[in-house]
Amino acid sequence: MAEIEHFVDSRHKEHPKFIKVKNLKLMLYSACNQMDGVPAVLTTIGDAVEKGIIANETLGYFMARIYQFLIAVGINSEKLRFRQHMSNEMAHYATDCWDAEIKTS
Protein backbone atom coordinates (compact mmCIF):
# COMPACT_ATOMS: atom_id res chain seq x y z
CA MET A 1 0.00 0.00 0.00
CA ALA A 2 1.22 3.48 -0.84
CA GLU A 3 -0.26 6.93 -0.70
CA ILE A 4 0.42 10.30 -2.26
CA GLU A 5 -0.80 13.43 -0.53
CA HIS A 6 -0.14 16.36 -2.82
CA PHE A 7 -1.35 19.73 -1.62
CA VAL A 8 -2.12 22.25 -4.33
CA ASP A 9 -2.89 25.96 -4.29
CA SER A 10 -6.66 26.17 -4.61
CA ARG A 11 -6.26 29.05 -7.07
CA HIS A 12 -3.93 27.12 -9.43
CA LYS A 13 -5.05 23.51 -9.91
CA GLU A 14 -3.84 23.14 -13.50
CA HIS A 15 -0.74 21.00 -14.10
CA PRO A 16 1.90 21.78 -16.78
CA LYS A 17 2.27 18.10 -17.78
CA PHE A 18 -1.46 17.31 -17.87
CA ILE A 19 -1.46 17.56 -21.68
CA LYS A 20 0.83 14.49 -21.80
CA VAL A 21 -1.67 12.25 -19.98
CA LYS A 22 -5.09 13.69 -20.82
CA ASN A 23 -5.83 10.99 -23.44
CA LEU A 24 -4.96 8.10 -21.13
CA LYS A 25 -7.98 5.87 -20.48
CA LEU A 26 -8.72 4.73 -16.94
CA MET A 27 -11.49 2.67 -15.40
CA LEU A 28 -13.18 5.09 -12.99
CA TYR A 29 -15.69 4.18 -10.29
CA SER A 30 -17.06 7.55 -9.27
CA ALA A 31 -18.89 8.28 -6.03
CA CYS A 32 -22.06 8.95 -8.07
CA ASN A 33 -21.83 5.57 -9.79
CA GLN A 34 -21.31 3.87 -6.43
CA MET A 35 -24.43 5.56 -5.00
CA ASP A 36 -26.47 4.70 -8.10
CA GLY A 37 -25.26 1.08 -8.31
CA VAL A 38 -23.69 1.74 -11.73
CA PRO A 39 -20.42 -0.04 -12.63
CA ALA A 40 -17.07 1.64 -13.26
CA VAL A 41 -16.68 3.43 -16.61
CA LEU A 42 -13.68 3.56 -18.96
CA THR A 43 -12.93 7.20 -19.79
CA THR A 44 -10.00 9.47 -20.53
CA ILE A 45 -8.43 11.57 -17.81
CA GLY A 46 -9.15 14.67 -19.89
CA ASP A 47 -12.87 13.91 -20.21
CA ALA A 48 -13.14 13.10 -16.50
CA VAL A 49 -11.54 16.42 -15.53
CA GLU A 50 -13.62 18.34 -18.08
CA LYS A 51 -16.85 16.78 -16.73
CA GLY A 52 -15.86 17.39 -13.11
CA ILE A 53 -15.63 13.69 -12.23
CA ILE A 54 -11.98 14.24 -11.30
CA ALA A 55 -11.67 17.57 -9.47
CA ASN A 56 -8.75 19.11 -11.37
CA GLU A 57 -5.78 18.65 -13.70
CA THR A 58 -3.26 18.13 -10.91
CA LEU A 59 -5.21 15.23 -9.43
CA GLY A 60 -5.80 13.80 -12.91
CA TYR A 61 -2.10 14.02 -13.71
CA PHE A 62 -1.08 12.10 -10.59
CA MET A 63 -3.78 9.47 -11.14
CA ALA A 64 -2.41 8.92 -14.65
CA ARG A 65 1.16 8.62 -13.35
CA ILE A 66 0.05 6.09 -10.72
CA TYR A 67 -1.70 4.10 -13.47
CA GLN A 68 1.44 4.18 -15.62
CA PHE A 69 3.57 3.00 -12.69
CA LEU A 70 1.22 0.12 -11.87
CA ILE A 71 1.19 -1.04 -15.50
CA ALA A 72 5.01 -0.76 -15.64
CA VAL A 73 5.39 -3.06 -12.61
CA GLY A 74 3.15 -5.69 -14.19
CA ILE A 75 -0.40 -4.99 -13.03
CA ASN A 76 -2.98 -6.13 -15.59
CA SER A 77 -4.95 -3.06 -16.70
CA GLU A 78 -8.12 -5.17 -16.88
CA LYS A 79 -7.86 -5.80 -13.12
CA LEU A 80 -7.29 -2.14 -12.21
CA ARG A 81 -9.73 0.64 -11.44
CA PHE A 82 -9.77 3.93 -9.58
CA ARG A 83 -12.50 4.30 -6.97
CA GLN A 84 -13.52 7.75 -5.78
CA HIS A 85 -13.92 8.20 -2.05
CA MET A 86 -17.40 8.95 -0.82
CA SER A 87 -17.72 12.25 1.06
CA ASN A 88 -17.74 10.43 4.41
CA GLU A 89 -14.42 8.70 3.57
CA MET A 90 -12.41 11.84 2.78
CA ALA A 91 -10.18 13.83 5.07
CA HIS A 92 -11.70 17.12 6.17
CA TYR A 93 -9.20 19.06 4.02
CA ALA A 94 -9.74 17.01 0.83
CA THR A 95 -11.89 18.06 -2.10
CA ASP A 96 -11.44 14.81 -4.05
CA CYS A 97 -9.68 11.50 -3.44
CA TRP A 98 -9.29 8.30 -5.44
CA ASP A 99 -7.83 4.87 -4.64
CA ALA A 100 -6.24 2.58 -7.20
CA GLU A 101 -7.86 -0.82 -6.66
CA ILE A 102 -6.52 -4.08 -8.09
CA LYS A 103 -8.55 -7.28 -8.27
CA THR A 104 -6.17 -9.98 -7.11
CA SER A 105 -8.49 -12.98 -6.75
C-alpha atoms as a PDB file:
ATOM      1  CA  MET A   1       0.000   0.000   0.000  1.00  0.00           C
ATOM      2  CA  ALA A   2       1.223   3.478  -0.835  1.00  0.00           C
ATOM      3  CA  GLU A   3      -0.255   6.929  -0.701  1.00  0.00           C
ATOM      4  CA  ILE A   4       0.418  10.299  -2.261  1.00  0.00           C
ATOM      5  CA  GLU A   5      -0.797  13.435  -0.533  1.00  0.00           C
ATOM      6  CA  HIS A   6      -0.145  16.360  -2.816  1.00  0.00           C
ATOM      7  CA  PHE A   7      -1.349  19.731  -1.615  1.00  0.00           C
ATOM      8  CA  VAL A   8      -2.118  22.252  -4.326  1.00  0.00           C
ATOM      9  CA  ASP A   9      -2.885  25.960  -4.292  1.00  0.00           C
ATOM     10  CA  SER A  10      -6.656  26.167  -4.613  1.00  0.00           C
ATOM     11  CA  ARG A  11      -6.260  29.054  -7.073  1.00  0.00           C
ATOM     12  CA  HIS A  12      -3.933  27.122  -9.427  1.00  0.00           C
ATOM     13  CA  LYS A  13      -5.051  23.512  -9.911  1.00  0.00           C
ATOM     14  CA  GLU A  14      -3.843  23.142 -13.498  1.00  0.00           C
ATOM     15  CA  HIS A  15      -0.737  20.995 -14.105  1.00  0.00           C
ATOM     16  CA  PRO A  16       1.903  21.785 -16.779  1.00  0.00           C
ATOM     17  CA  LYS A  17       2.265  18.103 -17.775  1.00  0.00           C
ATOM     18  CA  PHE A  18      -1.461  17.306 -17.872  1.00  0.00           C
ATOM     19  CA  ILE A  19      -1.462  17.557 -21.678  1.00  0.00           C
ATOM     20  CA  LYS A  20       0.834  14.494 -21.800  1.00  0.00           C
ATOM     21  CA  VAL A  21      -1.666  12.249 -19.977  1.00  0.00           C
ATOM     22  CA  LYS A  22      -5.092  13.687 -20.824  1.00  0.00           C
ATOM     23  CA  ASN A  23      -5.832  10.990 -23.440  1.00  0.00           C
ATOM     24  CA  LEU A  24      -4.965   8.101 -21.127  1.00  0.00           C
ATOM     25  CA  LYS A  25      -7.984   5.871 -20.481  1.00  0.00           C
ATOM     26  CA  LEU A  26      -8.724   4.728 -16.939  1.00  0.00           C
ATOM     27  CA  MET A  27     -11.490   2.670 -15.401  1.00  0.00           C
ATOM     28  CA  LEU A  28     -13.180   5.087 -12.990  1.00  0.00           C
ATOM     29  CA  TYR A  29     -15.688   4.176 -10.291  1.00  0.00           C
ATOM     30  CA  SER A  30     -17.058   7.554  -9.272  1.00  0.00           C
ATOM     31  CA  ALA A  31     -18.894   8.280  -6.031  1.00  0.00           C
ATOM     32  CA  CYS A  32     -22.061   8.948  -8.072  1.00  0.00           C
ATOM     33  CA  ASN A  33     -21.829   5.570  -9.787  1.00  0.00           C
ATOM     34  CA  GLN A  34     -21.309   3.870  -6.425  1.00  0.00           C
ATOM     35  CA  MET A  35     -24.428   5.561  -5.001  1.00  0.00           C
ATOM     36  CA  ASP A  36     -26.467   4.697  -8.105  1.00  0.00           C
ATOM     37  CA  GLY A  37     -25.255   1.081  -8.311  1.00  0.00           C
ATOM     38  CA  VAL A  38     -23.689   1.739 -11.726  1.00  0.00           C
ATOM     39  CA  PRO A  39     -20.415  -0.037 -12.627  1.00  0.00           C
ATOM     40  CA  ALA A  40     -17.072   1.637 -13.263  1.00  0.00           C
ATOM     41  CA  VAL A  41     -16.677   3.427 -16.609  1.00  0.00           C
ATOM     42  CA  LEU A  42     -13.677   3.562 -18.956  1.00  0.00           C
ATOM     43  CA  THR A  43     -12.929   7.201 -19.793  1.00  0.00           C
ATOM     44  CA  THR A  44     -10.001   9.466 -20.528  1.00  0.00           C
ATOM     45  CA  ILE A  45      -8.430  11.570 -17.806  1.00  0.00           C
ATOM     46  CA  GLY A  46      -9.154  14.669 -19.894  1.00  0.00           C
ATOM     47  CA  ASP A  47     -12.868  13.908 -20.209  1.00  0.00           C
ATOM     48  CA  ALA A  48     -13.136  13.097 -16.503  1.00  0.00           C
ATOM     49  CA  VAL A  49     -11.540  16.417 -15.532  1.00  0.00           C
ATOM     50  CA  GLU A  50     -13.623  18.341 -18.078  1.00  0.00           C
ATOM     51  CA  LYS A  51     -16.849  16.784 -16.734  1.00  0.00           C
ATOM     52  CA  GLY A  52     -15.861  17.390 -13.106  1.00  0.00           C
ATOM     53  CA  ILE A  53     -15.631  13.694 -12.231  1.00  0.00           C
ATOM     54  CA  ILE A  54     -11.980  14.244 -11.304  1.00  0.00           C
ATOM     55  CA  ALA A  55     -11.672  17.567  -9.468  1.00  0.00           C
ATOM     56  CA  ASN A  56      -8.754  19.113 -11.367  1.00  0.00           C
ATOM     57  CA  GLU A  57      -5.779  18.646 -13.705  1.00  0.00           C
ATOM     58  CA  THR A  58      -3.262  18.135 -10.909  1.00  0.00           C
ATOM     59  CA  LEU A  59      -5.207  15.228  -9.433  1.00  0.00           C
ATOM     60  CA  GLY A  60      -5.805  13.801 -12.912  1.00  0.00           C
ATOM     61  CA  TYR A  61      -2.101  14.016 -13.708  1.00  0.00           C
ATOM     62  CA  PHE A  62      -1.084  12.105 -10.589  1.00  0.00           C
ATOM     63  CA  MET A  63      -3.778   9.467 -11.138  1.00  0.00           C
ATOM     64  CA  ALA A  64      -2.409   8.922 -14.651  1.00  0.00           C
ATOM     65  CA  ARG A  65       1.165   8.619 -13.353  1.00  0.00           C
ATOM     66  CA  ILE A  66       0.054   6.086 -10.721  1.00  0.00           C
ATOM     67  CA  TYR A  67      -1.702   4.102 -13.468  1.00  0.00           C
ATOM     68  CA  GLN A  68       1.443   4.178 -15.620  1.00  0.00           C
ATOM     69  CA  PHE A  69       3.566   3.003 -12.685  1.00  0.00           C
ATOM     70  CA  LEU A  70       1.219   0.120 -11.866  1.00  0.00           C
ATOM     71  CA  ILE A  71       1.194  -1.040 -15.499  1.00  0.00           C
ATOM     72  CA  ALA A  72       5.014  -0.760 -15.638  1.00  0.00           C
ATOM     73  CA  VAL A  73       5.388  -3.059 -12.611  1.00  0.00           C
ATOM     74  CA  GLY A  74       3.152  -5.686 -14.195  1.00  0.00           C
ATOM     75  CA  ILE A  75      -0.398  -4.986 -13.033  1.00  0.00           C
ATOM     76  CA  ASN A  76      -2.978  -6.132 -15.588  1.00  0.00           C
ATOM     77  CA  SER A  77      -4.954  -3.061 -16.699  1.00  0.00           C
ATOM     78  CA  GLU A  78      -8.123  -5.172 -16.881  1.00  0.00           C
ATOM     79  CA  LYS A  79      -7.862  -5.801 -13.123  1.00  0.00           C
ATOM     80  CA  LEU A  80      -7.286  -2.140 -12.213  1.00  0.00           C
ATOM     81  CA  ARG A  81      -9.735   0.637 -11.441  1.00  0.00           C
ATOM     82  CA  PHE A  82      -9.767   3.932  -9.579  1.00  0.00           C
ATOM     83  CA  ARG A  83     -12.503   4.299  -6.966  1.00  0.00           C
ATOM     84  CA  GLN A  84     -13.520   7.748  -5.781  1.00  0.00           C
ATOM     85  CA  HIS A  85     -13.916   8.199  -2.048  1.00  0.00           C
ATOM     86  CA  MET A  86     -17.397   8.945  -0.817  1.00  0.00           C
ATOM     87  CA  SER A  87     -17.723  12.249   1.055  1.00  0.00           C
ATOM     88  CA  ASN A  88     -17.737  10.426   4.414  1.00  0.00           C
ATOM     89  CA  GLU A  89     -14.422   8.705   3.565  1.00  0.00           C
ATOM     90  CA  MET A  90     -12.406  11.839   2.777  1.00  0.00           C
ATOM     91  CA  ALA A  91     -10.182  13.826   5.071  1.00  0.00           C
ATOM     92  CA  HIS A  92     -11.700  17.124   6.172  1.00  0.00           C
ATOM     93  CA  TYR A  93      -9.204  19.058   4.022  1.00  0.00           C
ATOM     94  CA  ALA A  94      -9.740  17.006   0.835  1.00  0.00           C
ATOM     95  CA  THR A  95     -11.888  18.061  -2.103  1.00  0.00           C
ATOM     96  CA  ASP A  96     -11.445  14.808  -4.048  1.00  0.00           C
ATOM     97  CA  CYS A  97      -9.682  11.504  -3.440  1.00  0.00           C
ATOM     98  CA  TRP A  98      -9.288   8.297  -5.441  1.00  0.00           C
ATOM     99  CA  ASP A  99      -7.834   4.867  -4.638  1.00  0.00           C
ATOM    100  CA  ALA A 100      -6.237   2.578  -7.201  1.00  0.00           C
ATOM    101  CA  GLU A 101      -7.862  -0.820  -6.657  1.00  0.00           C
ATOM    102  CA  ILE A 102      -6.521  -4.078  -8.089  1.00  0.00           C
ATOM    103  CA  LYS A 103      -8.553  -7.281  -8.267  1.00  0.00           C
ATOM    104  CA  THR A 104      -6.169  -9.985  -7.108  1.00  0.00           C
ATOM    105  CA  SER A 105      -8.490 -12.982  -6.753  1.00  0.00           C
END
